[in-house]
Amino acid sequence: MYRCFHRTWWIKNPAWPDGREPGAGPKTYLRGGRVDTIEEAQAICRAWNASHDPGPLSRKAEFEEV
């Protein structure tokens, strides 16, 4: 079983180049994002990433095995 979520990969920090530093943010789980196969989890993440702008902090969907 897999669970899909999204999070940012950068933290705002004006002291760093481009005003951001590396750092994974907290996970926000997707409603309906719990699936049985890795293929389903990949499809959910691809669809979410295609329909959402990652923005300057690079918010992207991913999944984990549970």
PDB file of N, CA and C in Angstrom:
ATOM      1  N   MET A   1       0.842  -1.169   0.000  1.00  0.00           N
ATOM      2  CA  MET A   1       0.000   0.000   0.000  1.00  0.00           C
ATOM      3  C   MET A   1       0.893   1.239   0.000  1.00  0.00           C
ATOM      4  N   TYR A   2       0.424   2.281  -0.693  1.00  0.00           N
ATOM      5  CA  TYR A   2       1.192   3.517  -0.836  1.00  0.00           C
ATOM      6  C   TYR A   2       0.330   4.718  -0.470  1.00  0.00           C
ATOM      7  N   ARG A   3       0.980   5.773   0.033  1.00  0.00           N
ATOM      8  CA  ARG A   3       0.279   6.987   0.424  1.00  0.00           C
ATOM      9  C   ARG A   3       0.964   8.170  -0.277  1.00  0.00           C
ATOM     10  N   CYS A   4       0.161   8.989  -0.951  1.00  0.00           N
ATOM     11  CA  CYS A   4       0.678  10.133  -1.719  1.00  0.00           C
ATOM     12  C   CYS A   4       0.560  11.421  -0.910  1.00  0.00           C
ATOM     13  N   PHE A   5       1.526  12.298  -1.100  1.00  0.00           N
ATOM     14  CA  PHE A   5       1.543  13.575  -0.384  1.00  0.00           C
ATOM     15  C   PHE A   5       2.318  14.594  -1.211  1.00  0.00           C
ATOM     16  N   HIS A   6       2.259  15.851  -0.797  1.00  0.00           N
ATOM     17  CA  HIS A   6       3.094  16.870  -1.420  1.00  0.00           C
ATOM     18  C   HIS A   6       3.804  17.657  -0.325  1.00  0.00           C
ATOM     19  N   ARG A   7       4.922  18.253  -0.690  1.00  0.00           N
ATOM     20  CA  ARG A   7       5.691  19.089   0.228  1.00  0.00           C
ATOM     21  C   ARG A   7       6.672  19.936  -0.564  1.00  0.00           C
ATOM     22  N   THR A   8       7.208  20.940   0.084  1.00  0.00           N
ATOM     23  CA  THR A   8       8.214  21.790  -0.547  1.00  0.00           C
ATOM     24  C   THR A   8       9.604  21.204  -0.306  1.00  0.00           C
ATOM     25  N   TRP A   9      10.532  21.624  -1.156  1.00  0.00           N
ATOM     26  CA  TRP A   9      11.912  21.150  -1.027  1.00  0.00           C
ATOM     27  C   TRP A   9      12.899  22.266  -0.702  1.00  0.00           C
ATOM     28  N   TRP A  10      12.371  23.489  -0.514  1.00  0.00           N
ATOM     29  CA  TRP A  10      13.207  24.630  -0.163  1.00  0.00           C
ATOM     30  C   TRP A  10      12.560  25.398   0.974  1.00  0.00           C
ATOM     31  N   ILE A  11      13.381  26.113   1.761  1.00  0.00           N
ATOM     32  CA  ILE A  11      12.917  26.968   2.851  1.00  0.00           C
ATOM     33  C   ILE A  11      13.344  28.393   2.518  1.00  0.00           C
ATOM     34  N   LYS A  12      12.448  29.356   2.725  1.00  0.00           N
ATOM     35  CA  LYS A  12      12.818  30.757   2.496  1.00  0.00           C
ATOM     36  C   LYS A  12      13.897  31.158   3.483  1.00  0.00           C
ATOM     37  N   ASN A  13      14.969  31.761   2.943  1.00  0.00           N
ATOM     38  CA  ASN A  13      16.057  32.255   3.778  1.00  0.00           C
ATOM     39  C   ASN A  13      16.793  33.330   2.979  1.00  0.00           C
ATOM     40  N   PRO A  14      16.574  34.602   3.295  1.00  0.00           N
ATOM     41  CA  PRO A  14      17.192  35.686   2.528  1.00  0.00           C
ATOM     42  C   PRO A  14      18.724  35.676   2.549  1.00  0.00           C
ATOM     43  N   ALA A  15      19.318  35.002   3.513  1.00  0.00           N
ATOM     44  CA  ALA A  15      20.777  34.951   3.602  1.00  0.00           C
ATOM     45  C   ALA A  15      21.397  33.987   2.596  1.00  0.00           C
ATOM     46  N   TRP A  16      20.587  33.121   1.990  1.00  0.00           N
ATOM     47  CA  TRP A  16      21.089  32.147   1.025  1.00  0.00           C
ATOM     48  C   TRP A  16      20.943  32.670  -0.392  1.00  0.00           C
ATOM     49  N   PRO A  17      21.748  32.140  -1.334  1.00  0.00           N
ATOM     50  CA  PRO A  17      21.574  32.525  -2.738  1.00  0.00           C
ATOM     51  C   PRO A  17      20.130  32.254  -3.191  1.00  0.00           C
ATOM     52  N   ASP A  18      19.590  33.117  -3.986  1.00  0.00           N
ATOM     53  CA  ASP A  18      18.205  33.019  -4.476  1.00  0.00           C
ATOM     54  C   ASP A  18      17.167  33.118  -3.354  1.00  0.00           C
ATOM     55  N   GLY A  19      17.596  33.425  -2.117  1.00  0.00           N
ATOM     56  CA  GLY A  19      16.667  33.609  -1.012  1.00  0.00           C
ATOM     57  C   GLY A  19      16.039  32.340  -0.479  1.00  0.00           C
ATOM     58  N   ARG A  20      16.661  31.206  -0.737  1.00  0.00           N
ATOM     59  CA  ARG A  20      16.117  29.938  -0.246  1.00  0.00           C
ATOM     60  C   ARG A  20      17.242  28.950   0.018  1.00  0.00           C
ATOM     61  N   GLU A  21      16.994  28.053   0.967  1.00  0.00           N
ATOM     62  CA  GLU A  21      17.973  27.012   1.295  1.00  0.00           C
ATOM     63  C   GLU A  21      17.302  25.642   1.204  1.00  0.00           C
ATOM     64  N   PRO A  22      18.066  24.583   0.967  1.00  0.00           N
ATOM     65  CA  PRO A  22      17.474  23.249   0.877  1.00  0.00           C
ATOM     66  C   PRO A  22      16.823  22.848   2.198  1.00  0.00           C
ATOM     67  N   GLY A  23      15.681  22.199   2.100  1.00  0.00           N
ATOM     68  CA  GLY A  23      15.012  21.719   3.298  1.00  0.00           C
ATOM     69  C   GLY A  23      13.633  21.186   2.961  1.00  0.00           C
ATOM     70  N   ALA A  24      13.400  19.933   3.239  1.00  0.00           N
ATOM     71  CA  ALA A  24      12.089  19.330   2.969  1.00  0.00           C
ATOM     72  C   ALA A  24      11.078  19.816   3.999  1.00  0.00           C
ATOM     73  N   GLY A  25       9.932  20.273   3.497  1.00  0.00           N
ATOM     74  CA  GLY A  25       8.864  20.745   4.368  1.00  0.00           C
ATOM     75  C   GLY A  25       8.010  19.589   4.873  1.00  0.00           C
ATOM     76  N   PRO A  26       7.015  19.891   5.700  1.00  0.00           N
ATOM     77  CA  PRO A  26       6.137  18.843   6.210  1.00  0.00           C
ATOM     78  C   PRO A  26       5.281  18.239   5.102  1.00  0.00           C
ATOM     79  N   LYS A  27       4.902  17.002   5.279  1.00  0.00           N
ATOM     80  CA  LYS A  27       4.080  16.291   4.298  1.00  0.00           C
ATOM     81  C   LYS A  27       2.612  16.701   4.461  1.00  0.00           C
ATOM     82  N   THR A  28       1.967  16.958   3.324  1.00  0.00           N
ATOM     83  CA  THR A  28       0.526  17.193   3.285  1.00  0.00           C
ATOM     84  C   THR A  28      -0.061  16.065   2.459  1.00  0.00           C
ATOM     85  N   TYR A  29      -0.811  15.184   3.101  1.00  0.00           N
ATOM     86  CA  TYR A  29      -1.318  13.993   2.414  1.00  0.00           C
ATOM     87  C   TYR A  29      -2.485  14.342   1.505  1.00  0.00           C
ATOM     88  N   LEU A  30      -2.505  13.717   0.340  1.00  0.00           N
ATOM     89  CA  LEU A  30      -3.554  13.950  -0.647  1.00  0.00           C
ATOM     90  C   LEU A  30      -4.792  13.132  -0.304  1.00  0.00           C
ATOM     91  N   ARG A  31      -5.949  13.767  -0.373  1.00  0.00           N
ATOM     92  CA  ARG A  31      -7.209  13.051  -0.160  1.00  0.00           C
ATOM     93  C   ARG A  31      -7.357  12.022  -1.276  1.00  0.00           C
ATOM     94  N   GLY A  32      -7.664  10.805  -0.920  1.00  0.00           N
ATOM     95  CA  GLY A  32      -7.782   9.744  -1.916  1.00  0.00           C
ATOM     96  C   GLY A  32      -6.429   9.271  -2.418  1.00  0.00           C
ATOM     97  N   GLY A  33      -5.361   9.632  -1.725  1.00  0.00           N
ATOM     98  CA  GLY A  33      -4.014   9.297  -2.162  1.00  0.00           C
ATOM     99  C   GLY A  33      -3.465   8.007  -1.587  1.00  0.00           C
ATOM    100  N   ARG A  34      -4.325   7.170  -1.021  1.00  0.00           N
ATOM    101  CA  ARG A  34      -3.874   5.867  -0.501  1.00  0.00           C
ATOM    102  C   ARG A  34      -4.288   4.802  -1.515  1.00  0.00           C
ATOM    103  N   VAL A  35      -3.300   4.120  -2.081  1.00  0.00           N
ATOM    104  CA  VAL A  35      -3.560   3.159  -3.160  1.00  0.00           C
ATOM    105  C   VAL A  35      -2.778   1.864  -2.920  1.00  0.00           C
ATOM    106  N   ASP A  36      -3.135   0.842  -3.681  1.00  0.00           N
ATOM    107  CA  ASP A  36      -2.543  -0.480  -3.486  1.00  0.00           C
ATOM    108  C   ASP A  36      -1.255  -0.717  -4.270  1.00  0.00           C
ATOM    109  N   THR A  37      -1.108  -0.075  -5.432  1.00  0.00           N
ATOM    110  CA  THR A  37       0.056  -0.375  -6.272  1.00  0.00           C
ATOM    111  C   THR A  37       0.931   0.849  -6.495  1.00  0.00           C
ATOM    112  N   ILE A  38       2.187   0.578  -6.788  1.00  0.00           N
ATOM    113  CA  ILE A  38       3.126   1.657  -7.063  1.00  0.00           C
ATOM    114  C   ILE A  38       2.732   2.409  -8.337  1.00  0.00           C
ATOM    115  N   GLU A  39       2.161   1.718  -9.297  1.00  0.00           N
ATOM    116  CA  GLU A  39       1.736   2.365 -10.543  1.00  0.00           C
ATOM    117  C   GLU A  39       0.626   3.384 -10.273  1.00  0.00           C
ATOM    118  N   GLU A  40      -0.303   3.046  -9.388  1.00  0.00           N
ATOM    119  CA  GLU A  40      -1.369   3.991  -9.032  1.00  0.00           C
ATOM    120  C   GLU A  40      -0.792   5.212  -8.319  1.00  0.00           C
ATOM    121  N   ALA A  41       0.145   4.988  -7.417  1.00  0.00           N
ATOM    122  CA  ALA A  41       0.775   6.094  -6.689  1.00  0.00           C
ATOM    123  C   ALA A  41       1.535   7.003  -7.656  1.00  0.00           C
ATOM    124  N   GLN A  42       2.260   6.425  -8.589  1.00  0.00           N
ATOM    125  CA  GLN A  42       2.985   7.226  -9.576  1.00  0.00           C
ATOM    126  C   GLN A  42       2.022   8.054 -10.417  1.00  0.00           C
ATOM    127  N   ALA A  43       0.905   7.460 -10.814  1.00  0.00           N
ATOM    128  CA  ALA A  43      -0.076   8.172 -11.638  1.00  0.00           C
ATOM    129  C   ALA A  43      -0.694   9.345 -10.876  1.00  0.00           C
ATOM    130  N   ILE A  44      -1.017   9.149  -9.605  1.00  0.00           N
ATOM    131  CA  ILE A  44      -1.578  10.236  -8.790  1.00  0.00           C
ATOM    132  C   ILE A  44      -0.573  11.378  -8.669  1.00  0.00           C
ATOM    133  N   CYS A  45       0.678  11.046  -8.401  1.00  0.00           N
ATOM    134  CA  CYS A  45       1.708  12.080  -8.252  1.00  0.00           C
ATOM    135  C   CYS A  45       1.959  12.812  -9.567  1.00  0.00           C
ATOM    136  N   ARG A  46       2.016  12.088 -10.667  1.00  0.00           N
ATOM    137  CA  ARG A  46       2.217  12.735 -11.967  1.00  0.00           C
ATOM    138  C   ARG A  46       1.067  13.692 -12.270  1.00  0.00           C
ATOM    139  N   ALA A  47      -0.159  13.254 -12.007  1.00  0.00           N
ATOM    140  CA  ALA A  47      -1.331  14.106 -12.272  1.00  0.00           C
ATOM    141  C   ALA A  47      -1.301  15.350 -11.389  1.00  0.00           C
ATOM    142  N   TRP A  48      -0.986  15.184 -10.114  1.00  0.00           N
ATOM    143  CA  TRP A  48      -0.941  16.336  -9.199  1.00  0.00           C
ATOM    144  C   TRP A  48       0.142  17.311  -9.637  1.00  0.00           C
ATOM    145  N   ASN A  49       1.332  16.792  -9.945  1.00  0.00           N
ATOM    146  CA  ASN A  49       2.436  17.665 -10.361  1.00  0.00           C
ATOM    147  C   ASN A  49       2.124  18.386 -11.671  1.00  0.00           C
ATOM    148  N   ALA A  50       1.409  17.737 -12.572  1.00  0.00           N
ATOM    149  CA  ALA A  50       1.065  18.364 -13.851  1.00  0.00           C
ATOM    150  C   ALA A  50       0.030  19.469 -13.687  1.00  0.00           C
ATOM    151  N   SER A  51      -0.765  19.399 -12.638  1.00  0.00           N
ATOM    152  CA  SER A  51      -1.835  20.387 -12.466  1.00  0.00           C
ATOM    153  C   SER A  51      -1.529  21.447 -11.406  1.00  0.00           C
ATOM    154  N   HIS A  52      -0.344  21.426 -10.831  1.00  0.00           N
ATOM    155  CA  HIS A  52       0.036  22.397  -9.799  1.00  0.00           C
ATOM    156  C   HIS A  52       1.409  23.000 -10.118  1.00  0.00           C
ATOM    157  N   ASP A  53       1.484  24.314 -10.006  1.00  0.00           N
ATOM    158  CA  ASP A  53       2.752  25.020 -10.198  1.00  0.00           C
ATOM    159  C   ASP A  53       3.626  24.778  -8.963  1.00  0.00           C
ATOM    160  N   PRO A  54       4.850  24.300  -9.137  1.00  0.00           N
ATOM    161  CA  PRO A  54       5.687  24.019  -7.977  1.00  0.00           C
ATOM    162  C   PRO A  54       6.128  25.265  -7.209  1.00  0.00           C
ATOM    163  N   GLY A  55       6.091  26.425  -7.865  1.00  0.00           N
ATOM    164  CA  GLY A  55       6.473  27.664  -7.202  1.00  0.00           C
ATOM    165  C   GLY A  55       7.939  27.711  -6.854  1.00  0.00           C
ATOM    166  N   PRO A  56       8.360  28.798  -6.206  1.00  0.00           N
ATOM    167  CA  PRO A  56       9.791  28.980  -5.914  1.00  0.00           C
ATOM    168  C   PRO A  56      10.343  27.995  -4.882  1.00  0.00           C
ATOM    169  N   LEU A  57       9.468  27.391  -4.068  1.00  0.00           N
ATOM    170  CA  LEU A  57       9.940  26.440  -3.061  1.00  0.00           C
ATOM    171  C   LEU A  57       9.835  24.995  -3.534  1.00  0.00           C
ATOM    172  N   SER A  58       9.463  24.803  -4.804  1.00  0.00           N
ATOM    173  CA  SER A  58       9.418  23.487  -5.452  1.00  0.00           C
ATOM    174  C   SER A  58       8.506  22.494  -4.721  1.00  0.00           C
ATOM    175  N   ARG A  59       7.218  22.857  -4.595  1.00  0.00           N
ATOM    176  CA  ARG A  59       6.230  21.944  -3.996  1.00  0.00           C
ATOM    177  C   ARG A  59       5.884  20.868  -5.014  1.00  0.00           C
ATOM    178  N   LYS A  60       6.126  19.610  -4.650  1.00  0.00           N
ATOM    179  CA  LYS A  60       5.890  18.490  -5.559  1.00  0.00           C
ATOM    180  C   LYS A  60       5.270  17.316  -4.814  1.00  0.00           C
ATOM    181  N   ALA A  61       4.523  16.501  -5.549  1.00  0.00           N
ATOM    182  CA  ALA A  61       3.909  15.301  -4.986  1.00  0.00           C
ATOM    183  C   ALA A  61       4.891  14.131  -5.056  1.00  0.00           C
ATOM    184  N   GLU A  62       4.781  13.274  -4.077  1.00  0.00           N
ATOM    185  CA  GLU A  62       5.572  12.045  -4.035  1.00  0.00           C
ATOM    186  C   GLU A  62       4.774  11.020  -3.233  1.00  0.00           C
ATOM    187  N   PHE A  63       5.346   9.851  -3.013  1.00  0.00           N
ATOM    188  CA  PHE A  63       4.612   8.813  -2.281  1.00  0.00           C
ATOM    189  C   PHE A  63       5.556   8.018  -1.418  1.00  0.00           C
ATOM    190  N   GLU A  64       4.945   7.315  -0.455  1.00  0.00           N
ATOM    191  CA  GLU A  64       5.705   6.461   0.446  1.00  0.00           C
ATOM    192  C   GLU A  64       4.952   5.154   0.638  1.00  0.00           C
ATOM    193  N   GLU A  65       5.691   4.113   0.923  1.00  0.00           N
ATOM    194  CA  GLU A  65       5.067   2.823   1.195  1.00  0.00           C
ATOM    195  C   GLU A  65       4.621   2.792   2.653  1.00  0.00           C
ATOM    196  N   VAL A  66       3.423   2.262   2.878  1.00  0.00           N
ATOM    197  CA  VAL A  66       2.909   2.167   4.260  1.00  0.00           C
ATOM    198  C   VAL A  66       2.537   0.739   4.596  1.00  0.00           C
TER     199      VAL A  66
END
